[in-house]
Amino acid sequence: MYCKINTFLKSQTIQVIMRLPIQLQGLVFHRTDEQIEFLFLKRNEKRGGFWQGITGGLEEGETKKEGVLRELNEETGIKKIKKITETDLMYQFMNDSNQWLTEYVFIIELAEKINPEISDEHTEYKWASVEEGIKLFKWEDNKDSLKKVHTLITKEKR
């Protein structure tokens, strides 16, 4: 029996992707001469039905930057970015499985406004100001990171 199982397992390709206790948040924006607009995504009802930026878990073997870019592509179809910046913003929270996660925040700038192709994880998207985003966001940590990122990018020279 051992040989049969061993032979069976050797003939199968099994890929297990481990989620690490690290969460990534990407705040996506574009600039016009008049304003800065952020991209907000509304999660489907099974996933809470609330608004957020790009979020997801880090997978084993990838860097945080690779992870947030993967999440951006998975959730919006966006591959072309102007600039990505890892901030020093970091938040900790407990997920639904009572596991502590650390969330790292990235700033993702696009050269222009893009209409994303959202995944089934979300039901709608909206480009909006920081003020509207603060009203949309459910979680205080997300509101805080949005305010701080907005401050950082308004100080930044183009």
C-alpha atoms as a PDB file:
ATOM      1  CA  MET A   1       0.000   0.000   0.000  1.00  0.00           C
ATOM      2  CA  TYR A   2       2.817   2.440   0.842  1.00  0.00           C
ATOM      3  CA  CYS A   3       4.376   2.002  -2.594  1.00  0.00           C
ATOM      4  CA  LYS A   4       1.081   2.641  -4.373  1.00  0.00           C
ATOM      5  CA  ILE A   5       0.458   5.857  -2.471  1.00  0.00           C
ATOM      6  CA  ASN A   6       4.051   6.950  -2.955  1.00  0.00           C
ATOM      7  CA  THR A   7       3.835   6.195  -6.687  1.00  0.00           C
ATOM      8  CA  PHE A   8       0.519   8.011  -6.908  1.00  0.00           C
ATOM      9  CA  LEU A   9       1.905  11.100  -5.181  1.00  0.00           C
ATOM     10  CA  LYS A  10       5.012  11.131  -7.360  1.00  0.00           C
ATOM     11  CA  SER A  11       2.830  11.213 -10.478  1.00  0.00           C
ATOM     12  CA  GLN A  12       0.754  14.151  -9.263  1.00  0.00           C
ATOM     13  CA  THR A  13       1.675  17.794  -9.343  1.00  0.00           C
ATOM     14  CA  ILE A  14       0.504  19.383  -6.145  1.00  0.00           C
ATOM     15  CA  GLN A  15       0.842  23.096  -5.642  1.00  0.00           C
ATOM     16  CA  VAL A  16       0.116  24.521  -2.228  1.00  0.00           C
ATOM     17  CA  ILE A  17       0.295  28.275  -1.864  1.00  0.00           C
ATOM     18  CA  MET A  18       0.761  29.300   1.724  1.00  0.00           C
ATOM     19  CA  ARG A  19      -0.724  32.559   2.921  1.00  0.00           C
ATOM     20  CA  LEU A  20       1.541  34.242   5.412  1.00  0.00           C
ATOM     21  CA  PRO A  21       0.217  36.330   8.329  1.00  0.00           C
ATOM     22  CA  ILE A  22       0.999  39.422   6.290  1.00  0.00           C
ATOM     23  CA  GLN A  23      -1.634  41.580   4.648  1.00  0.00           C
ATOM     24  CA  LEU A  24      -0.964  44.147   1.923  1.00  0.00           C
ATOM     25  CA  GLN A  25      -2.883  47.310   1.179  1.00  0.00           C
ATOM     26  CA  GLY A  26      -2.371  49.244  -2.041  1.00  0.00           C
ATOM     27  CA  LEU A  27      -3.777  52.740  -2.313  1.00  0.00           C
ATOM     28  CA  VAL A  28      -4.067  53.452  -6.032  1.00  0.00           C
ATOM     29  CA  PHE A  29      -4.290  57.022  -7.320  1.00  0.00           C
ATOM     30  CA  HIS A  30      -3.840  59.249 -10.325  1.00  0.00           C
ATOM     31  CA  ARG A  31      -3.324  62.993 -10.552  1.00  0.00           C
ATOM     32  CA  THR A  32      -4.908  65.656 -12.673  1.00  0.00           C
ATOM     33  CA  ASP A  33      -3.933  69.318 -12.637  1.00  0.00           C
ATOM     34  CA  GLU A  34      -6.810  69.994 -10.260  1.00  0.00           C
ATOM     35  CA  GLN A  35      -6.930  66.976  -7.959  1.00  0.00           C
ATOM     36  CA  ILE A  36      -5.825  63.562  -6.780  1.00  0.00           C
ATOM     37  CA  GLU A  37      -8.301  60.710  -7.171  1.00  0.00           C
ATOM     38  CA  PHE A  38      -8.068  57.352  -5.421  1.00  0.00           C
ATOM     39  CA  LEU A  39      -9.472  54.024  -6.589  1.00  0.00           C
ATOM     40  CA  PHE A  40     -11.928  52.387  -4.188  1.00  0.00           C
ATOM     41  CA  LEU A  41     -13.378  48.888  -4.565  1.00  0.00           C
ATOM     42  CA  LYS A  42     -16.550  47.555  -2.956  1.00  0.00           C
ATOM     43  CA  ARG A  43     -16.289  43.966  -1.761  1.00  0.00           C
ATOM     44  CA  ASN A  44     -19.135  41.619  -2.617  1.00  0.00           C
ATOM     45  CA  GLU A  45     -21.670  40.820   0.117  1.00  0.00           C
ATOM     46  CA  LYS A  46     -20.118  37.404   0.888  1.00  0.00           C
ATOM     47  CA  ARG A  47     -16.889  39.255   1.655  1.00  0.00           C
ATOM     48  CA  GLY A  48     -18.481  41.969   3.789  1.00  0.00           C
ATOM     49  CA  GLY A  49     -19.883  44.445   1.238  1.00  0.00           C
ATOM     50  CA  PHE A  50     -17.588  47.286   2.315  1.00  0.00           C
ATOM     51  CA  TRP A  51     -15.308  49.682   0.426  1.00  0.00           C
ATOM     52  CA  GLN A  52     -11.527  49.369   0.472  1.00  0.00           C
ATOM     53  CA  GLY A  53      -8.382  49.826  -1.557  1.00  0.00           C
ATOM     54  CA  ILE A  54      -6.428  46.932  -3.040  1.00  0.00           C
ATOM     55  CA  THR A  55      -5.892  44.332  -0.322  1.00  0.00           C
ATOM     56  CA  GLY A  56      -4.709  40.771  -0.008  1.00  0.00           C
ATOM     57  CA  GLY A  57      -2.335  38.373   1.610  1.00  0.00           C
ATOM     58  CA  LEU A  58       1.318  37.832   0.900  1.00  0.00           C
ATOM     59  CA  GLU A  59       2.057  34.436  -0.589  1.00  0.00           C
ATOM     60  CA  GLU A  60       5.061  32.330   0.272  1.00  0.00           C
ATOM     61  CA  GLY A  61       8.080  33.147  -1.882  1.00  0.00           C
ATOM     62  CA  GLU A  62       7.032  36.613  -3.004  1.00  0.00           C
ATOM     63  CA  THR A  63       8.183  40.020  -1.824  1.00  0.00           C
ATOM     64  CA  LYS A  64       5.651  42.498  -0.435  1.00  0.00           C
ATOM     65  CA  LYS A  65       5.983  44.584  -3.603  1.00  0.00           C
ATOM     66  CA  GLU A  66       5.379  41.519  -5.803  1.00  0.00           C
ATOM     67  CA  GLY A  67       2.385  40.612  -3.645  1.00  0.00           C
ATOM     68  CA  VAL A  68       0.668  43.985  -3.848  1.00  0.00           C
ATOM     69  CA  LEU A  69       1.260  44.138  -7.621  1.00  0.00           C
ATOM     70  CA  ARG A  70      -0.222  40.633  -7.956  1.00  0.00           C
ATOM     71  CA  GLU A  71      -3.259  41.721  -5.933  1.00  0.00           C
ATOM     72  CA  LEU A  72      -3.618  44.869  -8.081  1.00  0.00           C
ATOM     73  CA  ASN A  73      -3.673  42.736 -11.228  1.00  0.00           C
ATOM     74  CA  GLU A  74      -5.995  40.084  -9.748  1.00  0.00           C
ATOM     75  CA  GLU A  75      -8.504  42.594  -8.392  1.00  0.00           C
ATOM     76  CA  THR A  76      -8.485  45.188 -11.206  1.00  0.00           C
ATOM     77  CA  GLY A  77      -6.646  43.817 -14.219  1.00  0.00           C
ATOM     78  CA  ILE A  78      -4.236  46.768 -13.959  1.00  0.00           C
ATOM     79  CA  LYS A  79      -0.660  45.888 -14.905  1.00  0.00           C
ATOM     80  CA  LYS A  80       0.795  49.202 -16.018  1.00  0.00           C
ATOM     81  CA  ILE A  81       1.715  51.567 -13.215  1.00  0.00           C
ATOM     82  CA  LYS A  82       3.702  54.781 -13.083  1.00  0.00           C
ATOM     83  CA  LYS A  83       5.254  54.312  -9.643  1.00  0.00           C
ATOM     84  CA  ILE A  84       4.985  52.131  -6.546  1.00  0.00           C
ATOM     85  CA  THR A  85       6.201  53.143  -3.097  1.00  0.00           C
ATOM     86  CA  GLU A  86       6.327  51.070   0.055  1.00  0.00           C
ATOM     87  CA  THR A  87       5.478  53.317   2.979  1.00  0.00           C
ATOM     88  CA  ASP A  88       6.485  52.888   6.604  1.00  0.00           C
ATOM     89  CA  LEU A  89       2.786  52.595   7.518  1.00  0.00           C
ATOM     90  CA  MET A  90       1.959  49.322   9.202  1.00  0.00           C
ATOM     91  CA  TYR A  91      -1.167  48.180  11.041  1.00  0.00           C
ATOM     92  CA  GLN A  92      -2.017  45.087  13.055  1.00  0.00           C
ATOM     93  CA  PHE A  93      -5.435  43.506  13.367  1.00  0.00           C
ATOM     94  CA  MET A  94      -7.085  40.183  14.107  1.00  0.00           C
ATOM     95  CA  ASN A  95      -8.836  38.450  11.202  1.00  0.00           C
ATOM     96  CA  ASP A  96     -12.024  36.368  11.313  1.00  0.00           C
ATOM     97  CA  SER A  97      -9.953  33.278  12.194  1.00  0.00           C
ATOM     98  CA  ASN A  98      -8.525  34.989  15.304  1.00  0.00           C
ATOM     99  CA  GLN A  99      -5.112  35.263  13.677  1.00  0.00           C
ATOM    100  CA  TRP A 100      -3.073  38.441  14.087  1.00  0.00           C
ATOM    101  CA  LEU A 101      -2.075  39.982  10.768  1.00  0.00           C
ATOM    102  CA  THR A 102       0.315  42.802   9.995  1.00  0.00           C
ATOM    103  CA  GLU A 103      -0.753  45.006   7.090  1.00  0.00           C
ATOM    104  CA  TYR A 104       1.795  46.962   5.054  1.00  0.00           C
ATOM    105  CA  VAL A 105       0.703  49.957   2.988  1.00  0.00           C
ATOM    106  CA  PHE A 106       1.846  50.750  -0.556  1.00  0.00           C
ATOM    107  CA  ILE A 107       1.188  53.782  -2.713  1.00  0.00           C
ATOM    108  CA  ILE A 108       0.516  52.941  -6.356  1.00  0.00           C
ATOM    109  CA  GLU A 109       0.449  55.813  -8.846  1.00  0.00           C
ATOM    110  CA  LEU A 110      -1.075  55.432 -12.289  1.00  0.00           C
ATOM    111  CA  ALA A 111      -0.232  57.758 -15.175  1.00  0.00           C
ATOM    112  CA  GLU A 112      -3.929  58.197 -15.936  1.00  0.00           C
ATOM    113  CA  LYS A 113      -7.368  57.200 -14.790  1.00  0.00           C
ATOM    114  CA  ILE A 114      -8.112  53.613 -15.829  1.00  0.00           C
ATOM    115  CA  ASN A 115     -11.452  51.842 -15.740  1.00  0.00           C
ATOM    116  CA  PRO A 116     -10.522  48.623 -13.943  1.00  0.00           C
ATOM    117  CA  GLU A 117     -11.858  45.187 -14.773  1.00  0.00           C
ATOM    118  CA  ILE A 118     -12.828  44.205 -11.246  1.00  0.00           C
ATOM    119  CA  SER A 119     -12.759  40.598 -10.095  1.00  0.00           C
ATOM    120  CA  ASP A 120     -15.780  38.785  -8.670  1.00  0.00           C
ATOM    121  CA  GLU A 121     -14.356  39.648  -5.256  1.00  0.00           C
ATOM    122  CA  HIS A 122     -15.840  43.132  -5.800  1.00  0.00           C
ATOM    123  CA  THR A 123     -19.127  44.490  -7.143  1.00  0.00           C
ATOM    124  CA  GLU A 124     -18.181  48.039  -8.072  1.00  0.00           C
ATOM    125  CA  TYR A 125     -15.417  50.598  -8.153  1.00  0.00           C
ATOM    126  CA  LYS A 126     -15.190  54.337  -7.750  1.00  0.00           C
ATOM    127  CA  TRP A 127     -12.557  56.998  -8.385  1.00  0.00           C
ATOM    128  CA  ALA A 128     -12.971  59.622  -5.663  1.00  0.00           C
ATOM    129  CA  SER A 129     -11.294  62.231  -3.499  1.00  0.00           C
ATOM    130  CA  VAL A 130      -9.606  61.464  -0.206  1.00  0.00           C
ATOM    131  CA  GLU A 131     -12.542  63.058   1.626  1.00  0.00           C
ATOM    132  CA  GLU A 132     -15.055  60.769  -0.046  1.00  0.00           C
ATOM    133  CA  GLY A 133     -12.780  57.776   0.509  1.00  0.00           C
ATOM    134  CA  ILE A 134     -12.650  58.456   4.234  1.00  0.00           C
ATOM    135  CA  LYS A 135     -16.464  58.383   4.264  1.00  0.00           C
ATOM    136  CA  LEU A 136     -16.530  55.152   2.223  1.00  0.00           C
ATOM    137  CA  PHE A 137     -13.978  53.196   4.257  1.00  0.00           C
ATOM    138  CA  LYS A 138     -15.306  51.036   7.091  1.00  0.00           C
ATOM    139  CA  TRP A 139     -12.117  50.402   9.072  1.00  0.00           C
ATOM    140  CA  GLU A 140     -10.334  53.142  11.023  1.00  0.00           C
ATOM    141  CA  ASP A 141      -6.894  51.816  10.032  1.00  0.00           C
ATOM    142  CA  ASN A 142      -7.845  52.161   6.358  1.00  0.00           C
ATOM    143  CA  LYS A 143      -9.069  55.716   6.938  1.00  0.00           C
ATOM    144  CA  ASP A 144      -5.859  56.560   8.762  1.00  0.00           C
ATOM    145  CA  SER A 145      -3.640  55.114   6.026  1.00  0.00           C
ATOM    146  CA  LEU A 146      -5.593  56.985   3.329  1.00  0.00           C
ATOM    147  CA  LYS A 147      -5.168  60.311   5.158  1.00  0.00           C
ATOM    148  CA  LYS A 148      -1.437  59.707   5.671  1.00  0.00           C
ATOM    149  CA  VAL A 149      -0.858  58.575   2.083  1.00  0.00           C
ATOM    150  CA  HIS A 150      -2.723  61.627   0.793  1.00  0.00           C
ATOM    151  CA  THR A 151      -0.475  63.864   2.909  1.00  0.00           C
ATOM    152  CA  LEU A 152       2.631  62.108   1.570  1.00  0.00           C
ATOM    153  CA  ILE A 153       1.672  62.418  -2.089  1.00  0.00           C
ATOM    154  CA  THR A 154       0.524  66.034  -1.852  1.00  0.00           C
ATOM    155  CA  LYS A 155       3.956  66.947  -0.424  1.00  0.00           C
ATOM    156  CA  GLU A 156       5.743  65.007  -3.170  1.00  0.00           C
ATOM    157  CA  LYS A 157       7.001  66.895  -6.178  1.00  0.00           C
ATOM    158  CA  ARG A 158       5.720  65.595  -9.489  1.00  0.00           C
END
